[in-house]
């Protein structure tokens, strides 16, 4: 996967440091229009109904359950990144939340001093030195990069739970993850609406915020040349 991510990144032309690497912008904008249309016709109304019907404690329980399903993947990725302490913490989080937390519906591990150490194989590739590559916006999956897209493919297959759950259990797990995403859309509705529907250029806004947030997650210093759309241009 390191070779794959490096090869994908090599397909993109070199860009000046601090500039956004988006050679596929025309195709990305097509995917963005598709995603906005899907959000407007399906996801946004579905999330409104979901949030209106289910009380917050139930939505939180679904979110905890879905997050707990990803803990084994966090264990593996943190280990691959040589973060042994976080890998062990994720292992204990999964054990505690799966038992005391009633299958992951609750999160007692955080209260016991074991906060989530969420990560993914895209972060693992970054730790191994794979370049980020070009920015991508993918249908259904949304904003990404070539490196993170390669990581997403691996994460889909690498979670140890995929080999432990039977067909019905896998369907329940998938349903919980989808419901959690719908719940996130409801929870952050104002922010998402602002980006997708209130911005002069929703694509550019989503791209900028994704890259800034991803770089923050990976501990990459933000280039001074990035434009902050919320900055006061008259501030001294």
Protein backbone atom coordinates (compact mmCIF):
# COMPACT_ATOMS: atom_id res chain seq x y z
CA UNK A 1 0.00 0.00 0.00
CA UNK A 2 2.94 2.35 0.59
CA UNK A 3 4.08 1.67 -2.98
CA UNK A 4 0.52 2.15 -4.26
CA UNK A 5 0.05 5.48 -2.47
CA UNK A 6 3.46 6.68 -3.68
CA UNK A 7 2.63 5.63 -7.25
CA UNK A 8 -0.72 7.40 -7.12
CA UNK A 9 0.91 10.55 -5.84
CA UNK A 10 3.54 10.38 -8.57
CA UNK A 11 0.77 10.63 -11.17
CA UNK A 12 0.07 14.19 -10.01
CA UNK A 13 2.23 17.09 -11.15
CA UNK A 14 4.45 18.73 -8.57
CA UNK A 15 3.03 21.85 -6.96
CA UNK A 16 4.59 24.78 -5.20
CA UNK A 17 4.83 24.36 -1.44
CA UNK A 18 1.79 25.85 0.29
CA UNK A 19 -0.42 25.50 -2.77
CA UNK A 20 -3.37 23.12 -2.93
CA UNK A 21 -2.61 20.14 -5.17
CA UNK A 22 -5.80 19.73 -7.18
CA UNK A 23 -5.00 18.71 -10.78
CA UNK A 24 -8.30 16.80 -11.03
CA UNK A 25 -10.46 19.78 -10.11
CA UNK A 26 -12.84 19.47 -13.06
CA UNK A 27 -13.63 15.83 -12.23
CA UNK A 28 -13.72 16.62 -8.52
CA UNK A 29 -16.31 19.32 -9.11
CA UNK A 30 -18.50 16.82 -10.97
CA UNK A 31 -18.30 14.50 -7.95
CA UNK A 32 -18.99 17.47 -5.66
CA UNK A 33 -22.18 18.37 -7.55
CA UNK A 34 -23.28 14.74 -7.29
CA UNK A 35 -22.59 14.69 -3.55
CA UNK A 36 -24.45 17.98 -3.00
CA UNK A 37 -27.42 16.66 -4.95
CA UNK A 38 -27.38 13.45 -2.92
CA UNK A 39 -27.20 15.45 0.29
CA UNK A 40 -30.05 17.73 -0.73
CA UNK A 41 -32.41 14.96 -1.84
CA UNK A 42 -31.50 12.10 0.53
CA UNK A 43 -29.06 12.71 3.35
CA UNK A 44 -30.25 16.07 4.64
CA UNK A 45 -33.97 15.14 4.84
CA UNK A 46 -33.09 11.70 6.20
CA UNK A 47 -30.91 13.22 8.92
CA UNK A 48 -33.65 15.69 9.84
CA UNK A 49 -36.12 12.82 10.24
CA UNK A 50 -33.53 10.76 12.15
CA UNK A 51 -32.78 13.59 14.56
CA UNK A 52 -36.42 14.50 14.94
CA UNK A 53 -37.57 10.98 15.80
CA UNK A 54 -34.72 9.65 17.94
CA UNK A 55 -33.78 11.45 21.17
CA UNK A 56 -30.18 12.54 21.67
CA UNK A 57 -29.25 9.69 24.11
CA UNK A 58 -30.29 7.12 21.52
CA UNK A 59 -28.35 8.88 18.75
CA UNK A 60 -25.33 9.07 21.06
CA UNK A 61 -25.61 5.34 21.77
CA UNK A 62 -25.62 4.54 18.06
CA UNK A 63 -22.58 6.76 17.59
CA UNK A 64 -20.73 5.06 20.46
CA UNK A 65 -21.62 1.63 19.06
CA UNK A 66 -20.34 2.53 15.57
CA UNK A 67 -17.15 4.07 16.98
CA UNK A 68 -16.52 0.96 19.07
CA UNK A 69 -16.65 -1.16 15.92
CA UNK A 70 -13.65 0.79 14.62
CA UNK A 71 -11.52 0.31 17.74
CA UNK A 72 -9.85 -2.90 16.46
CA UNK A 73 -8.78 -0.95 13.38
CA UNK A 74 -7.40 1.76 15.67
CA UNK A 75 -5.44 -0.91 17.51
CA UNK A 76 -3.81 -2.15 14.30
CA UNK A 77 -3.12 1.28 12.78
CA UNK A 78 -1.66 2.73 15.97
CA UNK A 79 0.58 -0.31 16.19
CA UNK A 80 1.69 0.13 12.58
CA UNK A 81 2.49 3.76 13.38
CA UNK A 82 4.69 2.62 16.29
CA UNK A 83 2.31 4.23 18.79
CA UNK A 84 2.28 1.33 21.21
CA UNK A 85 0.66 3.29 24.05
CA UNK A 86 -2.26 4.36 21.87
CA UNK A 87 -2.61 0.85 20.43
CA UNK A 88 -2.86 -0.63 23.93
CA UNK A 89 -5.29 2.11 24.96
CA UNK A 90 -7.52 1.32 21.95
CA UNK A 91 -7.42 -2.37 22.85
CA UNK A 92 -8.52 -1.67 26.42
CA UNK A 93 -11.17 0.79 25.18
CA UNK A 94 -12.65 -1.93 22.99
CA UNK A 95 -12.63 -4.47 25.81
CA UNK A 96 -14.19 -2.10 28.35
CA UNK A 97 -16.81 -0.56 26.07
CA UNK A 98 -17.76 -3.95 24.61
CA UNK A 99 -18.44 -5.35 28.09
CA UNK A 100 -19.13 -2.66 30.68
CA UNK A 101 -20.38 -0.38 27.92
CA UNK A 102 -23.04 -2.92 26.81
CA UNK A 103 -21.61 -3.77 23.42
CA UNK A 104 -20.33 -0.26 22.85
CA UNK A 105 -23.59 1.63 23.39
CA UNK A 106 -21.87 3.55 26.19
CA UNK A 107 -18.34 4.88 26.56
CA UNK A 108 -17.14 4.19 30.12
CA UNK A 109 -13.55 3.89 28.86
CA UNK A 110 -13.30 7.66 28.40
CA UNK A 111 -14.49 8.22 31.96
CA UNK A 112 -11.79 5.78 33.11
CA UNK A 113 -9.08 7.88 31.47
CA UNK A 114 -8.86 6.11 28.11
CA UNK A 115 -9.88 8.69 25.49
CA UNK A 116 -10.29 7.58 21.90
CA UNK A 117 -7.11 7.36 19.82
CA UNK A 118 -8.84 7.44 16.46
CA UNK A 119 -6.68 6.89 13.41
CA UNK A 120 -6.74 5.22 10.00
CA UNK A 121 -4.50 3.67 7.39
CA UNK A 122 -4.15 7.00 5.61
CA UNK A 123 -2.44 8.28 8.75
CA UNK A 124 -0.35 5.11 8.78
CA UNK A 125 0.79 5.79 5.22
CA UNK A 126 1.68 9.34 6.27
CA UNK A 127 3.73 7.95 9.17
CA UNK A 128 5.54 5.67 6.72
CA UNK A 129 6.46 8.63 4.52
CA UNK A 130 3.97 8.24 1.68
CA UNK A 131 3.24 11.59 0.01
CA UNK A 132 -0.24 13.06 0.24
CA UNK A 133 -0.83 13.22 -3.50
CA UNK A 134 -3.61 15.15 -5.15
CA UNK A 135 -6.86 16.24 -3.57
CA UNK A 136 -9.85 14.10 -4.50
CA UNK A 137 -13.57 14.38 -4.00
CA UNK A 138 -15.15 10.96 -4.32
CA UNK A 139 -18.82 10.15 -5.00
CA UNK A 140 -20.51 9.14 -1.72
CA UNK A 141 -17.21 9.22 0.22
CA UNK A 142 -16.63 12.96 -0.14
CA UNK A 143 -13.31 14.84 0.27
CA UNK A 144 -10.09 12.84 0.35
CA UNK A 145 -6.58 12.69 -1.10
CA UNK A 146 -4.83 10.02 -3.13
CA UNK A 147 -3.06 8.79 0.00
CA UNK A 148 -6.21 8.81 2.13
CA UNK A 149 -8.20 7.08 -0.62
CA UNK A 150 -5.64 4.25 -0.67
CA UNK A 151 -5.92 4.15 3.11
CA UNK A 152 -9.70 3.98 2.97
CA UNK A 153 -9.54 0.92 0.72
CA UNK A 154 -7.23 -0.84 3.18
CA UNK A 155 -9.32 0.17 6.22
CA UNK A 156 -12.42 -1.37 4.63
CA UNK A 157 -10.69 -4.74 4.54
CA UNK A 158 -8.27 -4.56 7.47
CA UNK A 159 -10.61 -4.24 10.48
CA UNK A 160 -10.23 -7.53 12.38
CA UNK A 161 -13.95 -7.53 13.15
CA UNK A 162 -14.63 -8.19 9.47
CA UNK A 163 -13.26 -11.70 10.02
CA UNK A 164 -15.07 -12.26 13.32
CA UNK A 165 -18.64 -11.22 12.45
CA UNK A 166 -21.07 -13.37 10.50
CA UNK A 167 -23.29 -12.08 7.69
CA UNK A 168 -26.12 -10.81 9.89
CA UNK A 169 -23.72 -9.22 12.37
CA UNK A 170 -21.90 -7.49 9.53
CA UNK A 171 -25.22 -6.09 8.30
CA UNK A 172 -25.94 -4.72 11.79
CA UNK A 173 -22.47 -3.18 11.95
CA UNK A 174 -22.88 -1.56 8.55
CA UNK A 175 -26.31 -0.25 9.52
CA UNK A 176 -24.91 1.25 12.71
CA UNK A 177 -22.11 3.01 10.82
CA UNK A 178 -24.56 4.44 8.28
CA UNK A 179 -26.90 5.58 11.06
CA UNK A 180 -23.96 7.20 12.85
CA UNK A 181 -23.06 9.16 9.70
CA UNK A 182 -26.68 10.27 9.36
CA UNK A 183 -26.59 11.34 13.00
CA UNK A 184 -23.40 13.32 12.36
CA UNK A 185 -25.13 15.08 9.44
CA UNK A 186 -27.92 16.11 11.81
CA UNK A 187 -25.53 17.11 14.60
CA UNK A 188 -23.44 19.35 12.35
CA UNK A 189 -26.31 20.45 10.13
CA UNK A 190 -25.66 24.18 10.41
CA UNK A 191 -21.97 23.82 9.58
CA UNK A 192 -22.56 21.47 6.65
CA UNK A 193 -25.32 23.68 5.24
CA UNK A 194 -23.05 26.70 5.53
CA UNK A 195 -20.30 24.97 3.55
CA UNK A 196 -22.45 23.34 0.88
CA UNK A 197 -25.21 25.87 0.34
CA UNK A 198 -24.19 29.25 1.76
CA UNK A 199 -20.63 29.53 0.44
CA UNK A 200 -19.85 31.37 -2.78
CA UNK A 201 -17.88 28.28 -3.84
CA UNK A 202 -18.91 25.26 -1.78
CA UNK A 203 -16.36 23.02 -3.49
CA UNK A 204 -13.40 25.26 -2.68
CA UNK A 205 -14.67 25.76 0.87
CA UNK A 206 -15.07 22.01 1.49
CA UNK A 207 -11.64 21.34 -0.03
CA UNK A 208 -9.90 23.92 2.12
CA UNK A 209 -11.56 22.87 5.37
CA UNK A 210 -10.93 19.17 4.71
CA UNK A 211 -7.23 19.70 4.02
CA UNK A 212 -6.75 22.02 6.98
CA UNK A 213 -8.50 19.59 9.33
CA UNK A 214 -6.63 16.58 7.93
CA UNK A 215 -3.28 18.32 8.24
CA UNK A 216 -4.12 19.21 11.83
CA UNK A 217 -4.98 15.57 12.57
CA UNK A 218 -1.65 14.46 11.10
CA UNK A 219 0.35 17.16 12.88
CA UNK A 220 1.30 18.93 9.66
CA UNK A 221 1.98 22.64 10.09
CA UNK A 222 -0.48 24.76 8.11
CA UNK A 223 1.23 26.70 5.30
CA UNK A 224 1.06 30.45 5.68
CA UNK A 225 -0.23 30.75 2.14
CA UNK A 226 -3.56 29.05 2.91
CA UNK A 227 -6.47 31.46 2.72
CA UNK A 228 -8.80 31.48 5.70
CA UNK A 229 -12.32 32.31 4.47
CA UNK A 230 -13.35 33.35 8.00
CA UNK A 231 -10.45 35.75 8.55
CA UNK A 232 -11.25 39.44 8.91
CA UNK A 233 -9.46 41.08 5.95
CA UNK A 234 -9.29 44.36 7.89
CA UNK A 235 -7.79 42.89 11.04
CA UNK A 236 -4.37 44.26 11.89
